[in-house]
Amino acid sequence: SVSSRTLYFNGDNREGTANRTEETATGLKFDYISGYTQGTVGFGLDVQALVGIHLDGGRGHHAAAGGITPTDSDGSAVNEWSRLGGNAKARFSKTELRLGNALAPNLPILVSNDGRLLPAAYQGGIVTSKEIDNVTLTAGQLNESIGRASSNWTDLSVGGGTKGSNKFQFAGGDWKVTKDLTLQYYYANLEDYYKQHFLG
């Protein structure tokens, strides 16, 4: 599949000394999602390519932090940026393992950010099992991330953190009790930062 997104971003700082930020960019996303080979254990490969193109922003209006494009060495927006990633996957019965650097989890304890031009992604492994009726179990470990406006992989951290971590471990499950009620529990541990218990 091929998809595109064009985003106009305007940050009007009405207070303080910061300049107004204003940019327009287009993103292209190419996804190849394979099926599985035949046999007791099926194998597959998903590949993703992302390209961002800066269209216009006006000199001095680039948002260096929190904007929609990466920043060049002179403080302006880069003209274009791209990345290529993929996940190898294996399936046995109703259990699936994904290993790679295009992981996009959507869990109560971690959501891959897709709030700007291109989505963020994680590197590591995630296993999901639906062997028990109405129950989905998920566990994994992630060691690096790439931001939504970046071509560079970085260690994991929290907002304001100054030390990188290369180990985020998590496990949990969703139990669909009835069609109107789902119960959840997840445990997460970002090494050197925090441990978390989530009930939902």
Foldseek 3Di string as FASTA:
>chain_A
DKDKDKDWDWADDPDDDQDIATWIKMKMKDKDWDDFDDDQKTKTKIKMKMKMATDDIDPRRHDCPPGQAHADPVRHGDGMDMEMWMWIKMDHDQKIKIAIWAAADDDPVDGFDPPHGATKTWGWMKMWGCPDPQKIKIWIWTFWIAHNHGHDIDADDDVPDDDGFGIKIKIWMWGCPDPVDIWIWMWIDGPPPDIDIDTD
